Amino acid sequence: MEAVRKAGLVIVIGTSLQVYPANQLPRMTSGRTVLINMEATGEEDHFGLFIAGRTVGVLPAVVEVIKGTV
């Protein structure tokens, strides 16, 4: 939990965000947050960015974007 609090970026992938307490982790960070999921969960407003799509298709592009900003 300390790592989540200190993280500059938290990426949440493929979850309904319905299971407590894990669904609270993204709210614990002061860093940026991204949700990658096939469908909306109703929690998108709690994230800085929501990317709709299959992880297998989306994640490689996300990795390339992150590599380009480092």
Protein backbone atom coordinates (compact mmCIF):
# COMPACT_ATOMS: atom_id res chain seq x y z
CA MET A 1 0.00 0.00 0.00
CA GLU A 2 2.92 2.33 0.66
CA ALA A 3 4.16 1.78 -2.90
CA VAL A 4 0.73 2.77 -4.26
CA ARG A 5 0.69 5.92 -2.11
CA LYS A 6 4.12 6.97 -3.43
CA ALA A 7 3.64 5.93 -7.06
CA GLY A 8 3.81 8.56 -9.75
CA LEU A 9 1.64 6.41 -12.02
CA VAL A 10 -0.84 3.63 -11.21
CA ILE A 11 -2.20 1.59 -14.13
CA VAL A 12 -5.21 -0.60 -13.39
CA ILE A 13 -5.83 -3.27 -16.01
CA GLY A 14 -8.77 -5.57 -16.67
CA THR A 15 -10.95 -5.29 -13.57
CA SER A 16 -14.52 -4.52 -12.64
CA LEU A 17 -13.27 -2.58 -9.58
CA GLN A 18 -15.95 -4.28 -7.49
CA VAL A 19 -13.75 -6.19 -5.01
CA TYR A 20 -12.89 -4.43 -1.74
CA PRO A 21 -10.23 -3.57 -0.61
CA ALA A 22 -8.33 -3.86 -3.91
CA ASN A 23 -10.72 -1.42 -5.59
CA GLN A 24 -9.54 1.28 -3.17
CA LEU A 25 -5.87 1.13 -4.20
CA PRO A 26 -6.14 3.53 -7.17
CA ARG A 27 -7.78 6.12 -4.90
CA MET A 28 -4.87 5.96 -2.47
CA THR A 29 -2.26 7.42 -4.81
CA SER A 30 -1.43 11.05 -5.33
CA GLY A 31 0.06 10.11 -8.71
CA ARG A 32 -1.60 9.81 -12.07
CA THR A 33 -4.05 6.97 -12.68
CA VAL A 34 -5.01 5.03 -15.80
CA LEU A 35 -7.74 2.41 -16.18
CA ILE A 36 -7.50 -0.02 -19.09
CA ASN A 37 -10.57 -2.21 -19.45
CA MET A 38 -12.79 -3.69 -22.15
CA GLU A 39 -15.83 -1.89 -20.81
CA ALA A 40 -16.77 0.94 -18.53
CA THR A 41 -16.97 0.11 -14.82
CA GLY A 42 -18.71 3.21 -13.52
CA GLU A 43 -15.47 4.24 -11.81
CA GLU A 44 -13.88 6.06 -14.75
CA ASP A 45 -14.34 9.47 -13.12
CA HIS A 46 -11.81 8.42 -10.46
CA PHE A 47 -9.07 7.99 -13.07
CA GLY A 48 -7.08 10.53 -15.01
CA LEU A 49 -7.43 8.42 -18.15
CA PHE A 50 -9.73 5.60 -19.22
CA ILE A 51 -8.71 3.48 -22.21
CA ALA A 52 -11.43 1.17 -23.52
CA GLY A 53 -10.15 -1.94 -25.23
CA ARG A 54 -8.65 -5.37 -24.89
CA THR A 55 -5.45 -5.40 -22.90
CA VAL A 56 -3.66 -7.46 -25.53
CA GLY A 57 -4.24 -4.70 -28.08
CA VAL A 58 -3.92 -1.64 -25.86
CA LEU A 59 -1.02 -2.49 -23.56
CA PRO A 60 1.75 -2.60 -26.21
CA ALA A 61 0.79 0.92 -27.33
CA VAL A 62 0.76 2.14 -23.72
CA VAL A 63 4.25 0.71 -23.17
CA GLU A 64 5.52 2.54 -26.26
CA VAL A 65 4.03 5.84 -25.04
CA ILE A 66 5.62 5.38 -21.62
CA LYS A 67 9.00 4.53 -23.19
CA GLY A 68 8.80 7.68 -25.29
CA THR A 69 8.31 9.90 -22.25
CA VAL A 70 11.13 8.56 -20.11
